[in-house]
Amino acid sequence: MASAGEITAAEFLQVVASPVDQKPTTEVIHFFRVPLIHESATSELLKSVQAKISNQIIALQTEQYFNIGVQSEISNDKLSVLRWLLQETYEPENLN
């Protein structure tokens, strides 16, 4: 039972899972950025995966994925702004 001012896990999941805008999307634009984590962190993650799962795993690649639902076609200017918002400042070429 949640205390006053707290919400239950079920209530939290309902809020997170429910869309803010109920209007249907007509298209989903996909972007991804690689890598999600730096090479040194990926190396540490690989060591952990090899120790816990299998030493036959020889590499990992991470990525961050964005799905943007739109209701109508967006202009090239707005698409450029969206790409600018999603890309890393110091590695803009990693957003595809």
N, C-alpha and C. Protein backbone atom coordinates (compact mmCIF):
# COMPACT_ATOMS: atom_id res chain seq x y z
N MET A 1 0.85 -1.19 0.00
CA MET A 1 0.00 0.00 0.00
C MET A 1 0.88 1.23 0.00
N ALA A 2 0.65 2.16 -0.87
CA ALA A 2 1.44 3.39 -0.98
C ALA A 2 1.03 4.36 0.12
N SER A 3 2.01 5.08 0.65
CA SER A 3 1.75 6.10 1.64
C SER A 3 1.17 7.33 0.97
N ALA A 4 0.68 8.27 1.78
CA ALA A 4 0.15 9.52 1.23
C ALA A 4 1.23 10.20 0.40
N GLY A 5 0.88 10.65 -0.78
CA GLY A 5 1.82 11.34 -1.65
C GLY A 5 2.64 10.41 -2.52
N GLU A 6 2.54 9.10 -2.31
CA GLU A 6 3.26 8.13 -3.13
C GLU A 6 2.28 7.43 -4.06
N ILE A 7 2.82 6.85 -5.13
CA ILE A 7 1.97 6.07 -6.02
C ILE A 7 2.47 4.64 -6.04
N THR A 8 1.60 3.73 -6.38
CA THR A 8 1.99 2.33 -6.47
C THR A 8 2.74 2.09 -7.77
N ALA A 9 3.40 0.94 -7.85
CA ALA A 9 4.11 0.58 -9.08
C ALA A 9 3.14 0.49 -10.25
N ALA A 10 1.95 -0.07 -10.02
CA ALA A 10 0.96 -0.18 -11.09
C ALA A 10 0.52 1.19 -11.59
N GLU A 11 0.32 2.13 -10.66
CA GLU A 11 -0.07 3.48 -11.05
C GLU A 11 1.05 4.15 -11.85
N PHE A 12 2.29 3.93 -11.42
CA PHE A 12 3.44 4.50 -12.13
C PHE A 12 3.50 3.96 -13.55
N LEU A 13 3.35 2.64 -13.70
CA LEU A 13 3.41 2.04 -15.04
C LEU A 13 2.29 2.52 -15.93
N GLN A 14 1.12 2.75 -15.35
CA GLN A 14 0.00 3.26 -16.14
C GLN A 14 0.31 4.66 -16.67
N VAL A 15 0.92 5.50 -15.83
CA VAL A 15 1.27 6.86 -16.26
C VAL A 15 2.36 6.82 -17.32
N VAL A 16 3.38 5.98 -17.11
CA VAL A 16 4.49 5.90 -18.05
C VAL A 16 4.03 5.31 -19.38
N ALA A 17 3.18 4.30 -19.34
CA ALA A 17 2.76 3.62 -20.56
C ALA A 17 1.71 4.39 -21.35
N SER A 18 0.99 5.29 -20.71
CA SER A 18 -0.06 5.99 -21.43
C SER A 18 0.52 7.17 -22.19
N PRO A 19 0.15 7.32 -23.46
CA PRO A 19 0.68 8.43 -24.24
C PRO A 19 0.14 9.77 -23.74
N VAL A 20 0.98 10.79 -23.83
CA VAL A 20 0.58 12.13 -23.41
C VAL A 20 -0.46 12.67 -24.37
N ASP A 21 -0.25 12.45 -25.64
CA ASP A 21 -1.16 12.93 -26.68
C ASP A 21 -1.86 11.72 -27.28
N GLN A 22 -3.15 11.67 -27.19
CA GLN A 22 -3.91 10.51 -27.65
C GLN A 22 -4.12 10.49 -29.17
N LYS A 23 -3.69 11.51 -29.88
CA LYS A 23 -3.90 11.55 -31.33
C LYS A 23 -3.04 10.48 -32.00
N PRO A 24 -3.60 9.77 -32.99
CA PRO A 24 -2.82 8.72 -33.65
C PRO A 24 -1.73 9.33 -34.54
N THR A 25 -0.62 8.60 -34.62
CA THR A 25 0.45 9.04 -35.50
C THR A 25 0.24 8.42 -36.87
N THR A 26 0.68 9.12 -37.89
CA THR A 26 0.57 8.59 -39.24
C THR A 26 1.90 8.02 -39.72
N GLU A 27 2.96 8.39 -39.04
CA GLU A 27 4.29 7.95 -39.45
C GLU A 27 5.20 7.95 -38.24
N VAL A 28 6.17 7.05 -38.25
CA VAL A 28 7.18 7.03 -37.20
C VAL A 28 8.54 7.22 -37.87
N ILE A 29 9.27 8.22 -37.40
CA ILE A 29 10.62 8.49 -37.91
C ILE A 29 11.59 7.85 -36.95
N HIS A 30 12.56 7.12 -37.48
CA HIS A 30 13.54 6.41 -36.65
C HIS A 30 14.92 7.06 -36.78
N PHE A 31 15.55 7.27 -35.65
CA PHE A 31 16.94 7.72 -35.60
C PHE A 31 17.67 6.83 -34.62
N PHE A 32 18.95 6.64 -34.84
CA PHE A 32 19.76 5.97 -33.83
C PHE A 32 21.12 6.64 -33.76
N ARG A 33 21.71 6.51 -32.59
CA ARG A 33 23.01 7.13 -32.35
C ARG A 33 23.94 6.05 -31.81
N VAL A 34 25.12 5.96 -32.40
CA VAL A 34 26.13 5.00 -31.95
C VAL A 34 27.40 5.74 -31.62
N PRO A 35 28.14 5.30 -30.67
CA PRO A 35 27.76 4.32 -29.66
C PRO A 35 26.96 4.99 -28.55
N LEU A 36 26.22 4.17 -27.78
CA LEU A 36 25.49 4.70 -26.63
C LEU A 36 26.45 5.03 -25.50
N ILE A 37 27.39 4.13 -25.27
CA ILE A 37 28.38 4.36 -24.21
C ILE A 37 29.78 4.38 -24.80
N HIS A 38 30.69 5.00 -24.10
CA HIS A 38 32.06 5.15 -24.60
C HIS A 38 32.77 3.80 -24.69
N GLU A 39 33.83 3.78 -25.46
CA GLU A 39 34.58 2.56 -25.72
C GLU A 39 35.08 1.89 -24.45
N SER A 40 35.56 2.69 -23.49
CA SER A 40 36.07 2.10 -22.25
C SER A 40 34.95 1.43 -21.46
N ALA A 41 33.77 2.04 -21.42
CA ALA A 41 32.62 1.44 -20.72
C ALA A 41 32.15 0.19 -21.46
N THR A 42 32.17 0.22 -22.78
CA THR A 42 31.79 -0.95 -23.57
C THR A 42 32.75 -2.10 -23.31
N SER A 43 34.02 -1.79 -23.19
CA SER A 43 35.03 -2.80 -22.90
C SER A 43 34.78 -3.45 -21.53
N GLU A 44 34.47 -2.63 -20.53
CA GLU A 44 34.16 -3.16 -19.20
C GLU A 44 32.89 -4.01 -19.23
N LEU A 45 31.89 -3.57 -19.97
CA LEU A 45 30.65 -4.32 -20.11
C LEU A 45 30.92 -5.66 -20.78
N LEU A 46 31.75 -5.66 -21.81
CA LEU A 46 32.11 -6.90 -22.51
C LEU A 46 32.77 -7.88 -21.55
N LYS A 47 33.71 -7.40 -20.73
CA LYS A 47 34.37 -8.27 -19.76
C LYS A 47 33.35 -8.88 -18.80
N SER A 48 32.41 -8.08 -18.35
CA SER A 48 31.38 -8.57 -17.43
C SER A 48 30.49 -9.62 -18.10
N VAL A 49 30.09 -9.35 -19.33
CA VAL A 49 29.25 -10.29 -20.08
C VAL A 49 30.01 -11.59 -20.33
N GLN A 50 31.27 -11.50 -20.67
CA GLN A 50 32.07 -12.70 -20.90
C GLN A 50 32.19 -13.53 -19.63
N ALA A 51 32.38 -12.87 -18.49
CA ALA A 51 32.52 -13.59 -17.21
C ALA A 51 31.20 -14.21 -16.77
N LYS A 52 30.10 -13.51 -16.97
CA LYS A 52 28.81 -13.98 -16.45
C LYS A 52 28.03 -14.86 -17.42
N ILE A 53 28.26 -14.70 -18.72
CA ILE A 53 27.46 -15.43 -19.70
C ILE A 53 28.30 -16.41 -20.51
N SER A 54 29.27 -15.88 -21.25
CA SER A 54 30.09 -16.75 -22.09
C SER A 54 31.32 -15.98 -22.59
N ASN A 55 32.47 -16.64 -22.52
CA ASN A 55 33.67 -16.00 -23.05
C ASN A 55 33.74 -16.11 -24.57
N GLN A 56 32.73 -16.73 -25.18
CA GLN A 56 32.66 -16.81 -26.64
C GLN A 56 32.09 -15.53 -27.24
N ILE A 57 31.55 -14.65 -26.40
CA ILE A 57 31.09 -13.34 -26.89
C ILE A 57 32.34 -12.50 -27.08
N ILE A 58 32.56 -12.01 -28.29
CA ILE A 58 33.83 -11.34 -28.59
C ILE A 58 33.70 -9.83 -28.78
N ALA A 59 32.47 -9.32 -28.91
CA ALA A 59 32.32 -7.88 -29.13
C ALA A 59 30.92 -7.42 -28.75
N LEU A 60 30.82 -6.15 -28.42
CA LEU A 60 29.54 -5.50 -28.16
C LEU A 60 29.50 -4.17 -28.88
N GLN A 61 28.35 -3.83 -29.38
CA GLN A 61 28.14 -2.49 -29.93
C GLN A 61 26.85 -1.96 -29.32
N THR A 62 26.90 -0.74 -28.83
CA THR A 62 25.71 -0.16 -28.21
C THR A 62 25.18 0.96 -29.09
N GLU A 63 23.85 1.18 -28.97
CA GLU A 63 23.24 2.26 -29.71
C GLU A 63 22.04 2.78 -28.93
N GLN A 64 21.70 4.00 -29.20
CA GLN A 64 20.52 4.62 -28.62
C GLN A 64 19.54 4.85 -29.76
N TYR A 65 18.29 4.45 -29.55
CA TYR A 65 17.30 4.46 -30.62
C TYR A 65 16.19 5.44 -30.29
N PHE A 66 15.78 6.22 -31.26
CA PHE A 66 14.70 7.19 -31.09
C PHE A 66 13.59 6.88 -32.09
N ASN A 67 12.36 6.76 -31.62
CA ASN A 67 11.19 6.59 -32.47
C ASN A 67 10.33 7.84 -32.28
N ILE A 68 10.15 8.62 -33.31
CA ILE A 68 9.38 9.87 -33.22
C ILE A 68 8.12 9.71 -34.05
N GLY A 69 6.97 9.74 -33.37
CA GLY A 69 5.69 9.65 -34.06
C GLY A 69 5.25 11.02 -34.54
N VAL A 70 4.85 11.11 -35.78
CA VAL A 70 4.37 12.38 -36.34
C VAL A 70 2.99 12.17 -36.95
N GLN A 71 2.19 13.22 -36.92
CA GLN A 71 0.83 13.13 -37.45
C GLN A 71 0.75 13.54 -38.92
N SER A 72 1.75 14.28 -39.38
CA SER A 72 1.78 14.69 -40.78
C SER A 72 3.25 14.89 -41.16
N GLU A 73 3.47 15.07 -42.42
CA GLU A 73 4.84 15.28 -42.91
C GLU A 73 5.41 16.55 -42.28
N ILE A 74 6.69 16.47 -41.89
CA ILE A 74 7.32 17.66 -41.31
C ILE A 74 8.31 18.24 -42.32
N SER A 75 8.48 19.54 -42.21
CA SER A 75 9.35 20.24 -43.17
C SER A 75 10.81 19.85 -42.95
N ASN A 76 11.63 20.08 -43.96
CA ASN A 76 13.07 19.81 -43.86
C ASN A 76 13.70 20.66 -42.76
N ASP A 77 13.23 21.90 -42.59
CA ASP A 77 13.76 22.76 -41.53
C ASP A 77 13.49 22.16 -40.16
N LYS A 78 12.27 21.68 -39.94
CA LYS A 78 11.92 21.08 -38.65
C LYS A 78 12.65 19.75 -38.45
N LEU A 79 12.84 19.00 -39.53
CA LEU A 79 13.59 17.76 -39.45
C LEU A 79 15.05 18.05 -39.08
N SER A 80 15.61 19.11 -39.61
CA SER A 80 16.98 19.52 -39.26
C SER A 80 17.09 19.88 -37.79
N VAL A 81 16.08 20.58 -37.27
CA VAL A 81 16.07 20.95 -35.85
C VAL A 81 15.98 19.68 -35.00
N LEU A 82 15.14 18.74 -35.39
CA LEU A 82 15.00 17.48 -34.66
C LEU A 82 16.32 16.72 -34.65
N ARG A 83 16.96 16.63 -35.79
CA ARG A 83 18.27 15.96 -35.85
C ARG A 83 19.28 16.66 -34.95
N TRP A 84 19.28 17.99 -34.95
CA TRP A 84 20.20 18.76 -34.12
C TRP A 84 19.95 18.48 -32.64
N LEU A 85 18.69 18.36 -32.24
CA LEU A 85 18.37 18.08 -30.84
C LEU A 85 18.82 16.69 -30.40
N LEU A 86 18.78 15.73 -31.31
CA LEU A 86 19.10 14.35 -30.96
C LEU A 86 20.58 14.00 -31.06
N GLN A 87 21.33 14.76 -31.81
CA GLN A 87 22.73 14.41 -32.00
C GLN A 87 23.60 14.93 -30.86
N GLU A 88 24.72 14.28 -30.67
CA GLU A 88 25.71 14.73 -29.69
C GLU A 88 26.41 15.97 -30.24
N THR A 89 26.67 16.91 -29.38
CA THR A 89 27.33 18.14 -29.79
C THR A 89 28.71 17.87 -30.37
N TYR A 90 29.44 16.96 -29.75
CA TYR A 90 30.82 16.71 -30.15
C TYR A 90 30.97 15.58 -31.17
N GLU A 91 29.90 14.83 -31.47
CA GLU A 91 29.95 13.77 -32.47
C GLU A 91 28.65 13.73 -33.28
N PRO A 92 28.31 14.81 -34.00
CA PRO A 92 27.04 14.84 -34.71
C PRO A 92 26.92 13.78 -35.81
N GLU A 93 28.03 13.30 -36.31
CA GLU A 93 28.00 12.33 -37.40
C GLU A 93 27.53 10.94 -36.93
N ASN A 94 27.42 10.73 -35.61
CA ASN A 94 27.01 9.42 -35.09
C ASN A 94 25.51 9.23 -35.05
N LEU A 95 24.73 10.23 -35.47
CA LEU A 95 23.27 10.10 -35.53
C LEU A 95 22.88 9.72 -36.94
N ASN A 96 22.14 8.63 -37.08
CA ASN A 96 21.70 8.15 -38.40
C ASN A 96 20.19 8.02 -38.40
